Amino acid sequence: MTMYTFEQFGYGVDLTFLCRTLGVLGFVSYMAGYTALQLRLIDGDGLMYSFSKVLGATLVLISLSADFNLSAALIQVSFLMIGCVGIALRLRERRRHLRLDRAAKRNTGGSPVLHRELA
């Protein structure tokens, strides 16, 4: 196994160790998100759950540069892509609700509750 370091930059950090550490942090991100979901601390449709998956997949994918495994890389890329789509959908939905609330305030004299009851 080749040992890569930041020696040429004067830091003396073992890149293999750094990659493996990032992989462990990715595992922690996966497990924290799943645990929070099971304990009902976060919602599976929420932004935090998708973010924990994207962060975990990114960190584990980086760690695979030290010890590559094709099937693990494919899983991480899939989690990353699906998680990014989920985040984009949730952000778009949030923006849509904000626009509806602003329009409702204009049309109902400032009461977004009335707008939601009519919708």
PDB file of N, CA and C in Angstrom:
ATOM      1  N   MET A   1       0.853  -1.173   0.000  1.00  0.00           N
ATOM      2  CA  MET A   1       0.000   0.000   0.000  1.00  0.00           C
ATOM      3  C   MET A   1       0.899   1.238   0.000  1.00  0.00           C
ATOM      4  N   THR A   2       0.575   2.179  -0.869  1.00  0.00           N
ATOM      5  CA  THR A   2       1.332   3.412  -0.960  1.00  0.00           C
ATOM      6  C   THR A   2       0.877   4.375   0.117  1.00  0.00           C
ATOM      7  N   MET A   3       1.821   5.003   0.782  1.00  0.00           N
ATOM      8  CA  MET A   3       1.515   5.960   1.824  1.00  0.00           C
ATOM      9  C   MET A   3       1.683   7.352   1.246  1.00  0.00           C
ATOM     10  N   TYR A   4       0.582   8.096   1.166  1.00  0.00           N
ATOM     11  CA  TYR A   4       0.619   9.454   0.657  1.00  0.00           C
ATOM     12  C   TYR A   4       0.609  10.412   1.839  1.00  0.00           C
ATOM     13  N   THR A   5       1.417  11.451   1.753  1.00  0.00           N
ATOM     14  CA  THR A   5       1.460  12.418   2.849  1.00  0.00           C
ATOM     15  C   THR A   5       1.485  13.829   2.303  1.00  0.00           C
ATOM     16  N   PHE A   6       1.260  14.765   3.197  1.00  0.00           N
ATOM     17  CA  PHE A   6       1.393  16.173   2.873  1.00  0.00           C
ATOM     18  C   PHE A   6       2.817  16.644   3.142  1.00  0.00           C
ATOM     19  N   GLU A   7       3.773  15.712   3.174  1.00  0.00           N
ATOM     20  CA  GLU A   7       5.156  16.049   3.503  1.00  0.00           C
ATOM     21  C   GLU A   7       5.691  17.188   2.636  1.00  0.00           C
ATOM     22  N   GLN A   8       5.367  17.148   1.332  1.00  0.00           N
ATOM     23  CA  GLN A   8       5.895  18.188   0.455  1.00  0.00           C
ATOM     24  C   GLN A   8       5.365  19.566   0.837  1.00  0.00           C
ATOM     25  N   PHE A   9       4.254  19.618   1.564  1.00  0.00           N
ATOM     26  CA  PHE A   9       3.709  20.897   2.010  1.00  0.00           C
ATOM     27  C   PHE A   9       4.143  21.233   3.428  1.00  0.00           C
ATOM     28  N   GLY A  10       4.861  20.327   4.064  1.00  0.00           N
ATOM     29  CA  GLY A  10       5.376  20.584   5.405  1.00  0.00           C
ATOM     30  C   GLY A  10       4.415  20.247   6.527  1.00  0.00           C
ATOM     31  N   TYR A  11       3.322  19.506   6.225  1.00  0.00           N
ATOM     32  CA  TYR A  11       2.348  19.189   7.271  1.00  0.00           C
ATOM     33  C   TYR A  11       2.575  17.816   7.895  1.00  0.00           C
ATOM     34  N   GLY A  12       3.070  16.855   7.146  1.00  0.00           N
ATOM     35  CA  GLY A  12       3.350  15.531   7.680  1.00  0.00           C
ATOM     36  C   GLY A  12       2.103  14.749   8.085  1.00  0.00           C
ATOM     37  N   VAL A  13       1.005  14.906   7.351  1.00  0.00           N
ATOM     38  CA  VAL A  13      -0.240  14.202   7.646  1.00  0.00           C
ATOM     39  C   VAL A  13      -0.356  12.999   6.721  1.00  0.00           C
ATOM     40  N   ASP A  14      -0.664  11.848   7.272  1.00  0.00           N
ATOM     41  CA  ASP A  14      -0.849  10.628   6.493  1.00  0.00           C
ATOM     42  C   ASP A  14      -2.216  10.694   5.809  1.00  0.00           C
ATOM     43  N   LEU A  15      -2.237  10.783   4.482  1.00  0.00           N
ATOM     44  CA  LEU A  15      -3.497  10.919   3.741  1.00  0.00           C
ATOM     45  C   LEU A  15      -4.387   9.690   3.871  1.00  0.00           C
ATOM     46  N   THR A  16      -3.781   8.505   3.964  1.00  0.00           N
ATOM     47  CA  THR A  16      -4.580   7.297   4.128  1.00  0.00           C
ATOM     48  C   THR A  16      -5.328   7.354   5.449  1.00  0.00           C
ATOM     49  N   PHE A  17      -4.652   7.751   6.505  1.00  0.00           N
ATOM     50  CA  PHE A  17      -5.305   7.897   7.814  1.00  0.00           C
ATOM     51  C   PHE A  17      -6.400   8.966   7.752  1.00  0.00           C
ATOM     52  N   LEU A  18      -6.108  10.068   7.083  1.00  0.00           N
ATOM     53  CA  LEU A  18      -7.093  11.147   6.953  1.00  0.00           C
ATOM     54  C   LEU A  18      -8.337  10.655   6.208  1.00  0.00           C
ATOM     55  N   CYS A  19      -8.147   9.921   5.118  1.00  0.00           N
ATOM     56  CA  CYS A  19      -9.282   9.387   4.353  1.00  0.00           C
ATOM     57  C   CYS A  19     -10.100   8.412   5.186  1.00  0.00           C
ATOM     58  N   ARG A  20      -9.433   7.558   5.916  1.00  0.00           N
ATOM     59  CA  ARG A  20     -10.150   6.598   6.764  1.00  0.00           C
ATOM     60  C   ARG A  20     -10.911   7.315   7.874  1.00  0.00           C
ATOM     61  N   THR A  21     -10.333   8.363   8.419  1.00  0.00           N
ATOM     62  CA  THR A  21     -11.017   9.145   9.449  1.00  0.00           C
ATOM     63  C   THR A  21     -12.265   9.804   8.880  1.00  0.00           C
ATOM     64  N   LEU A  22     -12.161  10.347   7.673  1.00  0.00           N
ATOM     65  CA  LEU A  22     -13.332  10.933   7.020  1.00  0.00           C
ATOM     66  C   LEU A  22     -14.411   9.875   6.778  1.00  0.00           C
ATOM     67  N   GLY A  23     -14.008   8.665   6.443  1.00  0.00           N
ATOM     68  CA  GLY A  23     -14.957   7.576   6.262  1.00  0.00           C
ATOM     69  C   GLY A  23     -15.692   7.245   7.551  1.00  0.00           C
ATOM     70  N   VAL A  24     -14.983   7.253   8.661  1.00  0.00           N
ATOM     71  CA  VAL A  24     -15.621   7.009   9.962  1.00  0.00           C
ATOM     72  C   VAL A  24     -16.596   8.143  10.284  1.00  0.00           C
ATOM     73  N   LEU A  25     -16.220   9.373   9.966  1.00  0.00           N
ATOM     74  CA  LEU A  25     -17.133  10.503  10.182  1.00  0.00           C
ATOM     75  C   LEU A  25     -18.375  10.375   9.289  1.00  0.00           C
ATOM     76  N   GLY A  26     -18.199   9.839   8.085  1.00  0.00           N
ATOM     77  CA  GLY A  26     -19.337   9.574   7.205  1.00  0.00           C
ATOM     78  C   GLY A  26     -20.267   8.537   7.813  1.00  0.00           C
ATOM     79  N   PHE A  27     -19.675   7.495   8.383  1.00  0.00           N
ATOM     80  CA  PHE A  27     -20.466   6.484   9.085  1.00  0.00           C
ATOM     81  C   PHE A  27     -21.243   7.116  10.235  1.00  0.00           C
ATOM     82  N   VAL A  28     -20.588   7.985  10.986  1.00  0.00           N
ATOM     83  CA  VAL A  28     -21.255   8.669  12.107  1.00  0.00           C
ATOM     84  C   VAL A  28     -22.427   9.510  11.588  1.00  0.00           C
ATOM     85  N   SER A  29     -22.246  10.185  10.453  1.00  0.00           N
ATOM     86  CA  SER A  29     -23.315  10.983   9.872  1.00  0.00           C
ATOM     87  C   SER A  29     -24.500  10.102   9.475  1.00  0.00           C
ATOM     88  N   TYR A  30     -24.227   8.967   8.828  1.00  0.00           N
ATOM     89  CA  TYR A  30     -25.291   8.034   8.474  1.00  0.00           C
ATOM     90  C   TYR A  30     -26.054   7.576   9.715  1.00  0.00           C
ATOM     91  N   MET A  31     -25.299   7.155  10.729  1.00  0.00           N
ATOM     92  CA  MET A  31     -25.928   6.601  11.922  1.00  0.00           C
ATOM     93  C   MET A  31     -26.668   7.663  12.733  1.00  0.00           C
ATOM     94  N   ALA A  32     -26.131   8.864  12.788  1.00  0.00           N
ATOM     95  CA  ALA A  32     -26.807   9.947  13.519  1.00  0.00           C
ATOM     96  C   ALA A  32     -28.139  10.284  12.852  1.00  0.00           C
ATOM     97  N   GLY A  33     -28.150  10.359  11.534  1.00  0.00           N
ATOM     98  CA  GLY A  33     -29.387  10.642  10.814  1.00  0.00           C
ATOM     99  C   GLY A  33     -30.413   9.539  10.998  1.00  0.00           C
ATOM    100  N   TYR A  34     -29.966   8.301  10.902  1.00  0.00           N
ATOM    101  CA  TYR A  34     -30.898   7.181  11.039  1.00  0.00           C
ATOM    102  C   TYR A  34     -31.419   7.068  12.470  1.00  0.00           C
ATOM    103  N   THR A  35     -30.537   7.275  13.443  1.00  0.00           N
ATOM    104  CA  THR A  35     -30.954   7.234  14.846  1.00  0.00           C
ATOM    105  C   THR A  35     -31.951   8.341  15.146  1.00  0.00           C
ATOM    106  N   ALA A  36     -31.663   9.552  14.677  1.00  0.00           N
ATOM    107  CA  ALA A  36     -32.580  10.676  14.899  1.00  0.00           C
ATOM    108  C   ALA A  36     -33.935  10.407  14.242  1.00  0.00           C
ATOM    109  N   LEU A  37     -33.923   9.758  13.090  1.00  0.00           N
ATOM    110  CA  LEU A  37     -35.175   9.410  12.418  1.00  0.00           C
ATOM    111  C   LEU A  37     -35.970   8.404  13.254  1.00  0.00           C
ATOM    112  N   GLN A  38     -35.309   7.358  13.730  1.00  0.00           N
ATOM    113  CA  GLN A  38     -35.997   6.327  14.499  1.00  0.00           C
ATOM    114  C   GLN A  38     -36.507   6.844  15.846  1.00  0.00           C
ATOM    115  N   LEU A  39     -35.799   7.804  16.436  1.00  0.00           N
ATOM    116  CA  LEU A  39     -36.228   8.391  17.705  1.00  0.00           C
ATOM    117  C   LEU A  39     -37.219   9.533  17.497  1.00  0.00           C
ATOM    118  N   ARG A  40     -37.591   9.754  16.229  1.00  0.00           N
ATOM    119  CA  ARG A  40     -38.535  10.803  15.835  1.00  0.00           C
ATOM    120  C   ARG A  40     -38.062  12.202  16.217  1.00  0.00           C
ATOM    121  N   LEU A  41     -36.748  12.380  16.192  1.00  0.00           N
ATOM    122  CA  LEU A  41     -36.187  13.713  16.412  1.00  0.00           C
ATOM    123  C   LEU A  41     -36.205  14.532  15.127  1.00  0.00           C
ATOM    124  N   ILE A  42     -36.161  13.833  13.992  1.00  0.00           N
ATOM    125  CA  ILE A  42     -36.265  14.485  12.685  1.00  0.00           C
ATOM    126  C   ILE A  42     -37.272  13.719  11.853  1.00  0.00           C
ATOM    127  N   ASP A  43     -37.707  14.339  10.780  1.00  0.00           N
ATOM    128  CA  ASP A  43     -38.692  13.748   9.877  1.00  0.00           C
ATOM    129  C   ASP A  43     -37.962  13.181   8.656  1.00  0.00           C
ATOM    130  N   GLY A  44     -38.380  12.023   8.195  1.00  0.00           N
ATOM    131  CA  GLY A  44     -37.773  11.417   7.009  1.00  0.00           C
ATOM    132  C   GLY A  44     -37.970  12.241   5.753  1.00  0.00           C
ATOM    133  N   ASP A  45     -38.981  13.092   5.744  1.00  0.00           N
ATOM    134  CA  ASP A  45     -39.218  13.982   4.617  1.00  0.00           C
ATOM    135  C   ASP A  45     -38.514  15.316   4.794  1.00  0.00           C
ATOM    136  N   GLY A  46     -37.809  15.488   5.896  1.00  0.00           N
ATOM    137  CA  GLY A  46     -37.174  16.766   6.196  1.00  0.00           C
ATOM    138  C   GLY A  46     -35.809  16.928   5.560  1.00  0.00           C
ATOM    139  N   LEU A  47     -35.344  18.127   5.630  1.00  0.00           N
ATOM    140  CA  LEU A  47     -34.054  18.488   5.048  1.00  0.00           C
ATOM    141  C   LEU A  47     -32.881  17.851   5.795  1.00  0.00           C
ATOM    142  N   MET A  48     -32.988  17.754   7.117  1.00  0.00           N
ATOM    143  CA  MET A  48     -31.871  17.230   7.914  1.00  0.00           C
ATOM    144  C   MET A  48     -31.563  15.771   7.592  1.00  0.00           C
ATOM    145  N   TYR A  49     -32.578  14.965   7.373  1.00  0.00           N
ATOM    146  CA  TYR A  49     -32.341  13.562   7.054  1.00  0.00           C
ATOM    147  C   TYR A  49     -31.593  13.438   5.724  1.00  0.00           C
ATOM    148  N   SER A  50     -32.062  14.153   4.710  1.00  0.00           N
ATOM    149  CA  SER A  50     -31.377  14.116   3.414  1.00  0.00           C
ATOM    150  C   SER A  50     -29.960  14.659   3.532  1.00  0.00           C
ATOM    151  N   PHE A  51     -29.793  15.724   4.311  1.00  0.00           N
ATOM    152  CA  PHE A  51     -28.460  16.304   4.479  1.00  0.00           C
ATOM    153  C   PHE A  51     -27.518  15.312   5.148  1.00  0.00           C
ATOM    154  N   SER A  52     -28.000  14.568   6.151  1.00  0.00           N
ATOM    155  CA  SER A  52     -27.132  13.592   6.828  1.00  0.00           C
ATOM    156  C   SER A  52     -26.684  12.503   5.854  1.00  0.00           C
ATOM    157  N   LYS A  53     -27.567  12.122   4.938  1.00  0.00           N
ATOM    158  CA  LYS A  53     -27.211  11.098   3.945  1.00  0.00           C
ATOM    159  C   LYS A  53     -26.191  11.638   2.928  1.00  0.00           C
ATOM    160  N   VAL A  54     -26.394  12.873   2.483  1.00  0.00           N
ATOM    161  CA  VAL A  54     -25.456  13.471   1.525  1.00  0.00           C
ATOM    162  C   VAL A  54     -24.082  13.651   2.175  1.00  0.00           C
ATOM    163  N   LEU A  55     -24.058  14.139   3.406  1.00  0.00           N
ATOM    164  CA  LEU A  55     -22.784  14.317   4.105  1.00  0.00           C
ATOM    165  C   LEU A  55     -22.096  12.975   4.308  1.00  0.00           C
ATOM    166  N   GLY A  56     -22.840  11.984   4.774  1.00  0.00           N
ATOM    167  CA  GLY A  56     -22.259  10.658   4.990  1.00  0.00           C
ATOM    168  C   GLY A  56     -21.711  10.067   3.703  1.00  0.00           C
ATOM    169  N   ALA A  57     -22.493  10.151   2.629  1.00  0.00           N
ATOM    170  CA  ALA A  57     -22.054   9.592   1.338  1.00  0.00           C
ATOM    171  C   ALA A  57     -20.809  10.299   0.828  1.00  0.00           C
ATOM    172  N   THR A  58     -20.762  11.617   0.984  1.00  0.00           N
ATOM    173  CA  THR A  58     -19.596  12.378   0.519  1.00  0.00           C
ATOM    174  C   THR A  58     -18.342  11.962   1.283  1.00  0.00           C
ATOM    175  N   LEU A  59     -18.452  11.874   2.597  1.00  0.00           N
ATOM    176  CA  LEU A  59     -17.282  11.522   3.408  1.00  0.00           C
ATOM    177  C   LEU A  59     -16.820  10.090   3.151  1.00  0.00           C
ATOM    178  N   VAL A  60     -17.765   9.158   3.035  1.00  0.00           N
ATOM    179  CA  VAL A  60     -17.380   7.768   2.749  1.00  0.00           C
ATOM    180  C   VAL A  60     -16.784   7.669   1.346  1.00  0.00           C
ATOM    181  N   LEU A  61     -17.318   8.416   0.401  1.00  0.00           N
ATOM    182  CA  LEU A  61     -16.772   8.406  -0.956  1.00  0.00           C
ATOM    183  C   LEU A  61     -15.332   8.924  -0.969  1.00  0.00           C
ATOM    184  N   ILE A  62     -15.061   9.965  -0.201  1.00  0.00           N
ATOM    185  CA  ILE A  62     -13.686  10.457  -0.082  1.00  0.00           C
ATOM    186  C   ILE A  62     -12.789   9.376   0.509  1.00  0.00           C
ATOM    187  N   SER A  63     -13.301   8.667   1.517  1.00  0.00           N
ATOM    188  CA  SER A  63     -12.483   7.632   2.164  1.00  0.00           C
ATOM    189  C   SER A  63     -12.156   6.490   1.204  1.00  0.00           C
ATOM    190  N   LEU A  64     -13.009   6.279   0.219  1.00  0.00           N
ATOM    191  CA  LEU A  64     -12.752   5.202  -0.741  1.00  0.00           C
ATOM    192  C   LEU A  64     -11.567   5.497  -1.654  1.00  0.00           C
ATOM    193  N   SER A  65     -11.095   6.741  -1.650  1.00  0.00           N
ATOM    194  CA  SER A  65      -9.898   7.038  -2.448  1.00  0.00           C
ATOM    195  C   SER A  65      -8.670   6.371  -1.838  1.00  0.00           C
ATOM    196  N   ALA A  66      -8.715   6.032  -0.552  1.00  0.00           N
ATOM    197  CA  ALA A  66      -7.600   5.335   0.080  1.00  0.00           C
ATOM    198  C   ALA A  66      -7.700   3.828  -0.127  1.00  0.00           C
ATOM    199  N   ASP A  67      -8.893   3.284   0.010  1.00  0.00           N
ATOM    200  CA  ASP A  67      -9.134   1.847  -0.157  1.00  0.00           C
ATOM    201  C   ASP A  67     -10.346   1.682  -1.066  1.00  0.00           C
ATOM    202  N   PHE A  68     -10.134   1.694  -2.389  1.00  0.00           N
ATOM    203  CA  PHE A  68     -11.247   1.701  -3.327  1.00  0.00           C
ATOM    204  C   PHE A  68     -11.986   0.374  -3.351  1.00  0.00           C
ATOM    205  N   ASN A  69     -13.304   0.457  -3.424  1.00  0.00           N
ATOM    206  CA  ASN A  69     -14.189  -0.695  -3.564  1.00  0.00           C
ATOM    207  C   ASN A  69     -15.314  -0.235  -4.492  1.00  0.00           C
ATOM    208  N   LEU A  70     -15.424  -0.835  -5.661  1.00  0.00           N
ATOM    209  CA  LEU A  70     -16.371  -0.376  -6.671  1.00  0.00           C
ATOM    210  C   LEU A  70     -17.816  -0.413  -6.181  1.00  0.00           C
ATOM    211  N   SER A  71     -18.232  -1.507  -5.574  1.00  0.00           N
ATOM    212  CA  SER A  71     -19.631  -1.590  -5.137  1.00  0.00           C
ATOM    213  C   SER A  71     -19.938  -0.558  -4.056  1.00  0.00           C
ATOM    214  N   ALA A  72     -19.011  -0.330  -3.141  1.00  0.00           N
ATOM    215  CA  ALA A  72     -19.215   0.693  -2.110  1.00  0.00           C
ATOM    216  C   ALA A  72     -19.275   2.086  -2.746  1.00  0.00           C
ATOM    217  N   ALA A  73     -18.435   2.318  -3.742  1.00  0.00           N
ATOM    218  CA  ALA A  73     -18.439   3.618  -4.423  1.00  0.00           C
ATOM    219  C   ALA A  73     -19.767   3.843  -5.154  1.00  0.00           C
ATOM    220  N   LEU A  74     -20.295   2.810  -5.793  1.00  0.00           N
ATOM    221  CA  LEU A  74     -21.579   2.939  -6.483  1.00  0.00           C
ATOM    222  C   LEU A  74     -22.707   3.238  -5.506  1.00  0.00           C
ATOM    223  N   ILE A  75     -22.686   2.595  -4.343  1.00  0.00           N
ATOM    224  CA  ILE A  75     -23.698   2.863  -3.320  1.00  0.00           C
ATOM    225  C   ILE A  75     -23.607   4.310  -2.860  1.00  0.00           C
ATOM    226  N   GLN A  76     -22.395   4.786  -2.609  1.00  0.00           N
ATOM    227  CA  GLN A  76     -22.222   6.159  -2.115  1.00  0.00           C
ATOM    228  C   GLN A  76     -22.633   7.186  -3.163  1.00  0.00           C
ATOM    229  N   VAL A  77     -22.282   6.945  -4.410  1.00  0.00           N
ATOM    230  CA  VAL A  77     -22.678   7.871  -5.482  1.00  0.00           C
ATOM    231  C   VAL A  77     -24.201   7.893  -5.603  1.00  0.00           C
ATOM    232  N   SER A  78     -24.835   6.732  -5.471  1.00  0.00           N
ATOM    233  CA  SER A  78     -26.299   6.674  -5.530  1.00  0.00           C
ATOM    234  C   SER A  78     -26.921   7.450  -4.379  1.00  0.00           C
ATOM    235  N   PHE A  79     -26.431   7.235  -3.146  1.00  0.00           N
ATOM    236  CA  PHE A  79     -26.936   7.983  -1.999  1.00  0.00           C
ATOM    237  C   PHE A  79     -26.733   9.479  -2.195  1.00  0.00           C
ATOM    238  N   LEU A  80     -25.584   9.846  -2.729  1.00  0.00           N
ATOM    239  CA  LEU A  80     -25.274  11.255  -2.954  1.00  0.00           C
ATOM    240  C   LEU A  80     -26.242  11.884  -3.958  1.00  0.00           C
ATOM    241  N   MET A  81     -26.468  11.216  -5.082  1.00  0.00           N
ATOM    242  CA  MET A  81     -27.371  11.759  -6.099  1.00  0.00           C
ATOM    243  C   MET A  81     -28.812  11.827  -5.602  1.00  0.00           C
ATOM    244  N   ILE A  82     -29.292  10.752  -4.981  1.00  0.00           N
ATOM    245  CA  ILE A  82     -30.668  10.734  -4.486  1.00  0.00           C
ATOM    246  C   ILE A  82     -30.847  11.769  -3.385  1.00  0.00           C
ATOM    247  N   GLY A  83     -29.863  11.888  -2.501  1.00  0.00           N
ATOM    248  CA  GLY A  83     -29.940  12.875  -1.432  1.00  0.00           C
ATOM    249  C   GLY A  83     -29.958  14.305  -1.951  1.00  0.00           C
ATOM    250  N   CYS A  84     -29.163  14.574  -2.974  1.00  0.00           N
ATOM    251  CA  CYS A  84     -29.153  15.924  -3.561  1.00  0.00           C
ATOM    252  C   CYS A  84     -30.495  16.246  -4.220  1.00  0.00           C
ATOM    253  N   VAL A  85     -31.091  15.257  -4.881  1.00  0.00           N
ATOM    254  CA  VAL A  85     -32.418  15.459  -5.465  1.00  0.00           C
ATOM    255  C   VAL A  85     -33.431  15.738  -4.356  1.00  0.00           C
ATOM    256  N   GLY A  86     -33.358  14.992  -3.263  1.00  0.00           N
ATOM    257  CA  GLY A  86     -34.266  15.209  -2.142  1.00  0.00           C
ATOM    258  C   GLY A  86     -34.118  16.595  -1.540  1.00  0.00           C
ATOM    259  N   ILE A  87     -32.884  17.040  -1.371  1.00  0.00           N
ATOM    260  CA  ILE A  87     -32.640  18.386  -0.832  1.00  0.00           C
ATOM    261  C   ILE A  87     -33.201  19.438  -1.779  1.00  0.00           C
ATOM    262  N   ALA A  88     -32.958  19.273  -3.069  1.00  0.00           N
ATOM    263  CA  ALA A  88     -33.463  20.244  -4.053  1.00  0.00           C
ATOM    264  C   ALA A  88     -34.990  20.302  -4.030  1.00  0.00           C
ATOM    265  N   LEU A  89     -35.640  19.150  -3.940  1.00  0.00           N
ATOM    266  CA  LEU A  89     -37.105  19.127  -3.898  1.00  0.00           C
ATOM    267  C   LEU A  89     -37.641  19.813  -2.645  1.00  0.00           C
ATOM    268  N   ARG A  90     -37.001  19.563  -1.507  1.00  0.00           N
ATOM    269  CA  ARG A  90     -37.457  20.186  -0.271  1.00  0.00           C
ATOM    270  C   ARG A  90     -37.244  21.694  -0.263  1.00  0.00           C
ATOM    271  N   LEU A  91     -36.130  22.131  -0.818  1.00  0.00           N
ATOM    272  CA  LEU A  91     -35.884  23.570  -0.899  1.00  0.00           C
ATOM    273  C   LEU A  91     -36.869  24.234  -1.854  1.00  0.00           C
ATOM    274  N   ARG A  92     -37.164  23.579  -2.965  1.00  0.00           N
ATOM    275  CA  ARG A  92     -38.142  24.121  -3.909  1.00  0.00           C
ATOM    276  C   ARG A  92     -39.526  24.198  -3.262  1.00  0.00           C
ATOM    277  N   GLU A  93     -39.887  23.155  -2.517  1.00  0.00           N
ATOM    278  CA  GLU A  93     -41.177  23.138  -1.829  1.00  0.00           C
ATOM    279  C   GLU A  93     -41.255  24.249  -0.772  1.00  0.00           C
ATOM    280  N   ARG A  94     -40.152  24.457  -0.069  1.00  0.00           N
ATOM    281  CA  ARG A  94     -40.103  25.521   0.937  1.00  0.00           C
ATOM    282  C   ARG A  94     -40.309  26.893   0.296  1.00  0.00           C
ATOM    283  N   ARG A  95     -39.615  27.124  -0.828  1.00  0.00           N
ATOM    284  CA  ARG A  95     -39.766  28.400  -1.537  1.00  0.00           C
ATOM    285  C   ARG A  95     -41.201  28.591  -2.025  1.00  0.00           C
ATOM    286  N   ARG A  96     -41.817  27.531  -2.494  1.00  0.00           N
ATOM    287  CA  ARG A  96     -43.200  27.600  -2.965  1.00  0.00           C
ATOM    288  C   ARG A  96     -44.134  27.991  -1.825  1.00  0.00           C
ATOM    289  N   HIS A  97     -43.945  27.409  -0.655  1.00  0.00           N
ATOM    290  CA  HIS A  97     -44.786  27.743   0.496  1.00  0.00           C
ATOM    291  C   HIS A  97     -44.569  29.185   0.942  1.00  0.00           C
ATOM    292  N   LEU A  98     -43.329  29.647   0.877  1.00  0.00           N
ATOM    293  CA  LEU A  98     -43.068  31.042   1.234  1.00  0.00           C
ATOM    294  C   LEU A  98     -43.782  31.993   0.281  1.00  0.00           C
ATOM    295  N   ARG A  99     -43.749  31.677  -1.023  1.00  0.00           N
ATOM    296  CA  ARG A  99     -44.450  32.521  -1.996  1.00  0.00           C
ATOM    297  C   ARG A  99     -45.950  32.513  -1.746  1.00  0.00           C
ATOM    298  N   LEU A 100     -46.500  31.342  -1.445  1.00  0.00           N
ATOM    299  CA  LEU A 100     -47.935  31.252  -1.167  1.00  0.00           C
ATOM    300  C   LEU A 100     -48.307  32.044   0.083  1.00  0.00           C
ATOM    301  N   ASP A 101     -47.472  31.965   1.114  1.00  0.00           N
ATOM    302  CA  ASP A 101     -47.752  32.719   2.336  1.00  0.00           C
ATOM    303  C   ASP A 101     -47.697  34.230   2.088  1.00  0.00           C
ATOM    304  N   ARG A 102     -46.721  34.674   1.302  1.00  0.00           N
ATOM    305  CA  ARG A 102     -46.637  36.107   0.983  1.00  0.00           C
ATOM    306  C   ARG A 102     -47.861  36.562   0.191  1.00  0.00           C
ATOM    307  N   ALA A 103     -48.267  35.756  -0.779  1.00  0.00           N
ATOM    308  CA  ALA A 103     -49.446  36.089  -1.576  1.00  0.00           C
ATOM    309  C   ALA A 103     -50.698  36.089  -0.703  1.00  0.00           C
ATOM    310  N   ALA A 104     -50.767  35.166   0.228  1.00  0.00           N
ATOM    311  CA  ALA A 104     -51.936  35.093   1.108  1.00  0.00           C
ATOM    312  C   ALA A 104     -52.012  36.313   2.014  1.00  0.00           C
ATOM    313  N   LYS A 105     -50.873  36.768   2.482  1.00  0.00           N
ATOM    314  CA  LYS A 105     -50.864  37.964   3.332  1.00  0.00           C
ATOM    315  C   LYS A 105     -51.372  39.181   2.559  1.00  0.00           C
ATOM    316  N   ARG A 106     -50.990  39.253   1.290  1.00  0.00           N
ATOM    317  CA  ARG A 106     -51.462  40.376   0.469  1.00  0.00           C
ATOM    318  C   ARG A 106     -52.962  40.275   0.190  1.00  0.00           C
ATOM    319  N   ASN A 107     -53.432  39.051  -0.073  1.00  0.00           N
ATOM    320  CA  ASN A 107     -54.826  38.865  -0.492  1.00  0.00           C
ATOM    321  C   ASN A 107     -55.823  38.737   0.652  1.00  0.00           C
ATOM    322  N   THR A 108     -55.345  38.428   1.857  1.00  0.00           N
ATOM    323  CA  THR A 108     -56.276  38.200   2.970  1.00  0.00           C
ATOM    324  C   THR A 108     -56.060  39.190   4.109  1.00  0.00           C
ATOM    325  N   GLY A 109     -55.399  40.266   3.830  1.00  0.00           N
ATOM    326  CA  GLY A 109     -55.191  41.269   4.868  1.00  0.00           C
ATOM    327  C   GLY A 109     -54.165  40.866   5.906  1.00  0.00           C
ATOM    328  N   GLY A 110     -53.225  40.013   5.546  1.00  0.00           N
ATOM    329  CA  GLY A 110     -52.133  39.662   6.449  1.00  0.00           C
ATOM    330  C   GLY A 110     -52.323  38.375   7.216  1.00  0.00           C
ATOM    331  N   SER A 111     -53.320  37.563   6.900  1.00  0.00           N
ATOM    332  CA  SER A 111     -53.572  36.326   7.637  1.00  0.00           C
ATOM    333  C   SER A 111     -53.250  35.104   6.775  1.00  0.00           C
ATOM    334  N   PRO A 112     -52.055  34.507   6.942  1.00  0.00           N
ATOM    335  CA  PRO A 112     -51.724  33.306   6.169  1.00  0.00           C
ATOM    336  C   PRO A 112     -52.569  32.108   6.585  1.00  0.00           C
ATOM    337  N   VAL A 113     -53.135  32.126   7.801  1.00  0.00           N
ATOM    338  CA  VAL A 113     -53.971  31.016   8.254  1.00  0.00           C
ATOM    339  C   VAL A 113     -55.236  30.927   7.415  1.00  0.00           C
ATOM    340  N   LEU A 114     -55.840  32.080   7.120  1.00  0.00           N
ATOM    341  CA  LEU A 114     -57.035  32.105   6.293  1.00  0.00           C
ATOM    342  C   LEU A 114     -56.753  31.504   4.922  1.00  0.00           C
ATOM    343  N   HIS A 115     -55.586  31.833   4.354  1.00  0.00           N
ATOM    344  CA  HIS A 115     -55.216  31.294   3.033  1.00  0.00           C
ATOM    345  C   HIS A 115     -55.114  29.773   3.097  1.00  0.00           C
ATOM    346  N   ARG A 116     -54.487  29.228   4.144  1.00  0.00           N
ATOM    347  CA  ARG A 116     -54.321  27.789   4.244  1.00  0.00           C
ATOM    348  C   ARG A 116     -55.668  27.104   4.406  1.00  0.00           C
ATOM    349  N   GLU A 117     -56.598  27.739   5.105  1.00  0.00           N
ATOM    350  CA  GLU A 117     -57.923  27.151   5.283  1.00  0.00           C
ATOM    351  C   GLU A 117     -58.697  27.128   3.962  1.00  0.00           C
ATOM    352  N   LEU A 118     -58.449  28.126   3.115  1.00  0.00           N
ATOM    353  CA  LEU A 118     -59.142  28.196   1.831  1.00  0.00           C
ATOM    354  C   LEU A 118     -58.546  27.249   0.812  1.00  0.00           C
ATOM    355  N   ALA A 119     -57.272  26.913   0.967  1.00  0.00           N
ATOM    356  CA  ALA A 119     -56.579  26.076  -0.023  1.00  0.00           C
ATOM    357  C   ALA A 119     -56.955  24.613   0.074  1.00  0.00           C
TER     358      ALA A 119
END
